[in-house]
Amino acid sequence: MTVWDILIPVFIFIGLGVFAGLLLSVFSKIFAVKTDEKVEEVVAALPGLNCGVCGFSGCENYAQNIVHGGAKTNRCVPGGDEAAKKISAIMGTAFEDVTECVAFVACEGKVPENTSDLYNYDGEQSCAACSLYYKGKGVCNYGCLGYGDCANVCNFGAISLDSGIAKVDPTKCTGCTMCTKACPNGLLKIRELAKHVVVTCASCSGGKQTIANCKHGCIGCKKCEKTCPNGAITVTNQVASIDSALCTNCKACMEVCPRGCIVEL
């Protein structure tokens, strides 16, 4: 075997590599997707959470609709007024205020203060896992499970645990809704930041069973619904809920609630 028997295959492989590289370079230019600079600027102004609060599939899709679809510049709740101002400047349009929203936890089932556990759970320490066993460890099937799945997905450190109940710090929360998707019992809900009155119960068990399960639970008595002067409260499936858009913080519902489950945050 001569030296050329070794070098010729090496040169062939090098030549093929160079040729393939040239082809890739040519094709990358021929088939290159042109980027829209204005869309890229809008994307850069957004927080990049891809949470979908704006009503679009993600930040890039929202940016595309702002630039080419006429979508409003104030639909990014996590980005708030700061993002809206940047986007308005990019688009050359008037600034529109963002309605700031934050999450809250519709449960005050502290153990043993208000309720109790049905059994000792010794499995994976997550709400999603615990909920698979008889809908959770508590006597109330609708209560907070207290393992912090919501806190784990919060990118802003806005959620902590207090006596086995998740708590939201409104000064840190951006209303991105990531926590609402993580809670297996759907206890993380969104309210307008300016609206302070909320229902901190989600039990649909009915009055008698709720009274037996929790000292704080809503019994669906409808006193709040009948008292609200603005029609902001409705009782559905034996539990009250407040329409944040209609609420005026008058607190009339708080005064008549016999269970103390309507509170001001």
Protein backbone atom coordinates (compact mmCIF):
# COMPACT_ATOMS: atom_id res chain seq x y z
CA MET A 1 0.00 0.00 0.00
CA THR A 2 1.35 3.39 -1.05
CA VAL A 3 0.86 6.81 0.51
CA TRP A 4 -1.51 7.71 -2.31
CA ASP A 5 -3.77 4.80 -1.40
CA ILE A 6 -4.33 6.58 1.90
CA LEU A 7 -4.36 10.20 0.74
CA ILE A 8 -6.74 9.82 -2.23
CA PRO A 9 -9.75 8.73 -0.09
CA VAL A 10 -8.92 11.52 2.38
CA PHE A 11 -8.91 14.10 -0.41
CA ILE A 12 -12.19 12.71 -1.74
CA PHE A 13 -13.89 13.05 1.64
CA ILE A 14 -12.51 16.59 2.08
CA GLY A 15 -13.71 17.52 -1.41
CA LEU A 16 -17.18 16.11 -0.72
CA GLY A 17 -17.33 18.06 2.55
CA VAL A 18 -16.35 21.31 0.84
CA PHE A 19 -18.87 20.68 -1.96
CA ALA A 20 -21.66 19.93 0.52
CA GLY A 21 -20.81 23.08 2.47
CA LEU A 22 -21.02 25.18 -0.70
CA LEU A 23 -24.39 23.63 -1.58
CA LEU A 24 -25.75 24.37 1.88
CA SER A 25 -24.53 27.95 1.65
CA VAL A 26 -26.17 28.43 -1.76
CA PHE A 27 -29.46 26.84 -0.68
CA SER A 28 -29.56 28.88 2.54
CA LYS A 29 -29.50 32.04 0.46
CA ILE A 30 -31.98 30.79 -2.16
CA PHE A 31 -34.52 29.51 0.36
CA ALA A 32 -33.88 32.05 3.13
CA VAL A 33 -37.01 33.26 4.91
CA LYS A 34 -37.07 37.02 4.98
CA THR A 35 -37.56 38.39 8.48
CA ASP A 36 -39.79 41.33 9.24
CA GLU A 37 -37.72 43.81 11.24
CA LYS A 38 -40.77 45.48 12.74
CA VAL A 39 -42.14 42.13 13.96
CA GLU A 40 -38.76 41.36 15.51
CA GLU A 41 -38.79 44.73 17.31
CA VAL A 42 -42.26 44.04 18.72
CA VAL A 43 -41.21 40.54 19.84
CA ALA A 44 -38.21 42.07 21.63
CA ALA A 45 -40.54 44.45 23.48
CA LEU A 46 -42.66 41.55 24.80
CA PRO A 47 -41.70 39.51 27.89
CA GLY A 48 -41.34 36.25 25.92
CA LEU A 49 -43.51 34.13 28.24
CA ASN A 50 -45.71 32.78 25.43
CA CYS A 51 -48.51 32.56 28.00
CA GLY A 52 -51.37 33.26 25.59
CA VAL A 53 -53.11 35.88 27.78
CA CYS A 54 -53.21 38.20 24.77
CA GLY A 55 -55.41 35.69 22.95
CA PHE A 56 -52.72 34.54 20.53
CA SER A 57 -50.58 31.39 20.51
CA GLY A 58 -47.43 33.15 21.69
CA CYS A 59 -45.42 36.36 21.63
CA GLU A 60 -44.32 36.02 18.02
CA ASN A 61 -47.85 35.30 16.81
CA TYR A 62 -49.11 38.31 18.77
CA ALA A 63 -46.36 40.47 17.24
CA GLN A 64 -47.31 39.29 13.74
CA ASN A 65 -50.93 40.26 14.41
CA ILE A 66 -49.95 43.67 15.76
CA VAL A 67 -47.84 44.50 12.70
CA HIS A 68 -49.97 42.85 10.01
CA GLY A 69 -53.34 42.15 11.60
CA GLY A 70 -54.18 45.34 13.45
CA ALA A 71 -54.21 43.75 16.92
CA LYS A 72 -54.22 46.20 19.82
CA THR A 73 -50.90 47.02 21.43
CA ASN A 74 -52.20 46.72 25.03
CA ARG A 75 -53.12 43.04 25.19
CA CYS A 76 -49.93 41.83 26.89
CA VAL A 77 -50.91 41.77 30.57
CA PRO A 78 -47.53 40.45 31.87
CA GLY A 79 -45.68 43.13 29.92
CA GLY A 80 -47.99 45.82 31.30
CA ASP A 81 -47.83 49.49 30.37
CA GLU A 82 -44.08 49.34 29.78
CA ALA A 83 -44.41 46.83 26.93
CA ALA A 84 -47.45 48.62 25.53
CA LYS A 85 -45.56 51.94 25.40
CA LYS A 86 -42.61 50.33 23.57
CA ILE A 87 -44.89 48.63 21.05
CA SER A 88 -46.90 51.81 20.48
CA ALA A 89 -43.66 53.67 19.79
CA ILE A 90 -42.57 51.01 17.30
CA MET A 91 -45.94 51.08 15.52
CA GLY A 92 -46.28 54.87 15.71
CA THR A 93 -49.67 54.62 17.39
CA ALA A 94 -51.19 56.19 20.50
CA PHE A 95 -50.48 54.40 23.79
CA GLU A 96 -53.40 52.45 25.27
CA ASP A 97 -53.39 51.57 28.96
CA VAL A 98 -53.13 47.90 29.95
CA THR A 99 -55.66 46.55 32.45
CA GLU A 100 -53.32 45.05 35.03
CA CYS A 101 -54.43 41.67 36.36
CA VAL A 102 -53.15 39.38 39.08
CA ALA A 103 -53.88 35.88 40.27
CA PHE A 104 -55.51 34.91 43.55
CA VAL A 105 -56.19 31.58 45.26
CA ALA A 106 -59.86 30.65 45.68
CA CYS A 107 -59.28 28.68 48.88
CA GLU A 108 -58.73 29.37 52.57
CA GLY A 109 -58.82 25.75 53.68
CA LYS A 110 -55.92 25.95 56.11
CA VAL A 111 -55.22 22.75 58.06
CA PRO A 112 -56.20 22.44 60.91
CA GLU A 113 -57.54 26.00 61.25
CA ASN A 114 -60.43 25.66 58.79
CA THR A 115 -60.41 22.08 57.51
CA SER A 116 -58.62 18.74 57.86
CA ASP A 117 -56.94 15.99 55.87
CA LEU A 118 -58.72 12.79 55.00
CA TYR A 119 -55.56 10.68 54.92
CA ASN A 120 -51.77 10.96 55.06
CA TYR A 121 -50.38 11.29 51.55
CA ASP A 122 -46.88 9.86 51.11
CA GLY A 123 -46.50 9.92 47.33
CA GLU A 124 -44.84 12.32 44.91
CA GLN A 125 -44.87 15.79 46.44
CA SER A 126 -46.91 17.55 43.79
CA CYS A 127 -50.52 18.69 43.57
CA ALA A 128 -51.01 16.91 40.24
CA ALA A 129 -49.89 13.58 41.70
CA CYS A 130 -51.84 13.97 44.94
CA SER A 131 -55.04 14.84 43.07
CA LEU A 132 -55.00 11.41 41.42
CA TYR A 133 -55.74 9.76 44.78
CA TYR A 134 -59.42 10.31 45.62
CA LYS A 135 -59.18 13.90 44.31
CA GLY A 136 -56.60 14.81 46.95
CA LYS A 137 -55.81 14.28 50.60
CA GLY A 138 -58.29 16.78 52.11
CA VAL A 139 -61.86 16.21 53.25
CA CYS A 140 -62.76 18.89 50.70
CA ASN A 141 -62.25 17.68 47.14
CA TYR A 142 -62.01 21.25 45.87
CA GLY A 143 -59.35 22.64 48.21
CA CYS A 144 -55.73 23.64 47.78
CA LEU A 145 -53.44 20.61 47.95
CA GLY A 146 -50.49 22.68 49.12
CA TYR A 147 -47.54 21.16 47.23
CA GLY A 148 -46.82 24.30 45.22
CA ASP A 149 -47.22 23.24 41.59
CA CYS A 150 -48.35 26.82 40.98
CA ALA A 151 -45.29 28.25 42.73
CA ASN A 152 -42.99 26.01 40.68
CA VAL A 153 -44.21 27.43 37.36
CA CYS A 154 -44.25 31.08 38.48
CA ASN A 155 -41.37 32.91 36.82
CA PHE A 156 -41.70 35.92 39.13
CA GLY A 157 -41.56 34.38 42.60
CA ALA A 158 -45.08 35.68 43.29
CA ILE A 159 -46.46 32.50 44.91
CA SER A 160 -45.59 31.04 48.30
CA LEU A 161 -47.16 28.51 50.66
CA ASP A 162 -48.74 29.48 53.98
CA SER A 163 -50.14 26.74 56.25
CA GLY A 164 -50.53 24.47 53.24
CA ILE A 165 -52.31 27.09 51.13
CA ALA A 166 -50.84 28.88 48.13
CA LYS A 167 -50.66 32.67 48.44
CA VAL A 168 -50.10 35.22 45.67
CA ASP A 169 -48.10 38.41 46.19
CA PRO A 170 -49.90 40.95 43.95
CA THR A 171 -46.82 43.20 43.91
CA LYS A 172 -44.88 40.48 42.08
CA CYS A 173 -47.64 38.80 40.05
CA THR A 174 -47.93 39.82 36.38
CA GLY A 175 -51.16 37.98 35.59
CA CYS A 176 -49.43 35.66 33.11
CA THR A 177 -51.86 32.79 34.01
CA MET A 178 -49.15 30.10 34.08
CA CYS A 179 -50.21 29.16 37.62
CA THR A 180 -53.86 28.79 36.60
CA LYS A 181 -52.84 26.04 34.18
CA ALA A 182 -50.74 24.23 36.78
CA CYS A 183 -53.40 23.89 39.51
CA PRO A 184 -55.29 20.57 39.14
CA ASN A 185 -58.26 21.97 41.12
CA GLY A 186 -58.43 25.24 39.17
CA LEU A 187 -58.04 27.37 42.30
CA LEU A 188 -55.74 29.99 40.80
CA LYS A 189 -57.98 32.61 39.24
CA ILE A 190 -57.36 36.00 37.64
CA ARG A 191 -58.78 39.31 38.83
CA GLU A 192 -58.25 42.91 37.79
CA LEU A 193 -55.64 44.44 40.08
CA ALA A 194 -57.96 47.34 40.94
CA LYS A 195 -60.72 44.95 42.06
CA HIS A 196 -59.93 43.75 45.57
CA VAL A 197 -62.99 41.71 46.58
CA VAL A 198 -62.83 37.97 45.79
CA VAL A 199 -64.47 34.67 46.74
CA THR A 200 -61.90 32.43 48.44
CA CYS A 201 -63.71 29.14 48.00
CA ALA A 202 -64.41 26.87 45.04
CA SER A 203 -66.37 24.07 46.74
CA CYS A 204 -69.35 22.72 44.80
CA SER A 205 -70.24 20.23 47.53
CA GLY A 206 -73.37 22.05 48.68
CA GLY A 207 -74.15 23.77 51.95
CA LYS A 208 -74.42 20.82 54.34
CA GLN A 209 -71.31 19.03 53.09
CA THR A 210 -69.26 22.23 52.84
CA ILE A 211 -70.12 23.16 56.43
CA ALA A 212 -68.91 19.72 57.52
CA ASN A 213 -65.71 20.01 55.48
CA CYS A 214 -64.54 23.58 56.08
CA LYS A 215 -65.25 26.50 58.42
CA HIS A 216 -64.56 28.93 55.60
CA GLY A 217 -66.43 27.33 52.66
CA CYS A 218 -69.12 28.89 50.49
CA ILE A 219 -72.55 27.29 51.05
CA GLY A 220 -74.23 28.80 48.00
CA CYS A 221 -76.81 30.72 50.06
CA LYS A 222 -77.01 33.47 47.40
CA LYS A 223 -77.09 36.29 49.95
CA CYS A 224 -74.17 37.92 48.16
CA GLU A 225 -75.84 37.52 44.77
CA LYS A 226 -79.06 39.17 46.00
CA THR A 227 -77.18 41.98 47.73
CA CYS A 228 -74.75 43.04 44.97
CA PRO A 229 -76.10 46.27 43.41
CA ASN A 230 -74.15 45.73 40.19
CA GLY A 231 -74.99 42.11 39.38
CA ALA A 232 -71.30 41.21 39.74
CA ILE A 233 -71.92 38.04 41.78
CA THR A 234 -73.53 34.84 40.60
CA VAL A 235 -73.91 31.51 42.37
CA THR A 236 -73.33 28.58 40.03
CA ASN A 237 -72.94 24.95 41.09
CA GLN A 238 -73.51 26.06 44.70
CA VAL A 239 -70.50 28.38 44.85
CA ALA A 240 -70.30 32.16 44.38
CA SER A 241 -68.08 33.92 41.86
CA ILE A 242 -67.42 37.58 41.14
CA ASP A 243 -67.24 39.17 37.70
CA SER A 244 -64.24 41.45 38.11
CA ALA A 245 -65.40 43.71 35.28
CA LEU A 246 -68.68 44.50 37.08
CA CYS A 247 -67.37 44.70 40.65
CA THR A 248 -66.99 48.19 42.15
CA ASN A 249 -65.39 47.13 45.47
CA CYS A 250 -68.50 48.25 47.38
CA LYS A 251 -68.02 45.31 49.81
CA ALA A 252 -71.76 44.78 50.28
CA CYS A 253 -71.26 41.08 49.56
CA MET A 254 -68.60 40.82 52.26
CA GLU A 255 -70.96 42.22 54.86
CA VAL A 256 -73.72 39.66 54.23
CA CYS A 257 -71.57 36.54 53.69
CA PRO A 258 -72.28 34.26 56.69
CA ARG A 259 -69.14 32.20 56.09
CA GLY A 260 -66.58 34.95 55.66
CA CYS A 261 -65.37 33.48 52.39
CA ILE A 262 -65.73 36.77 50.49
CA VAL A 263 -62.72 38.87 51.42
CA GLU A 264 -60.83 41.97 50.38
CA LEU A 265 -57.27 41.28 49.31
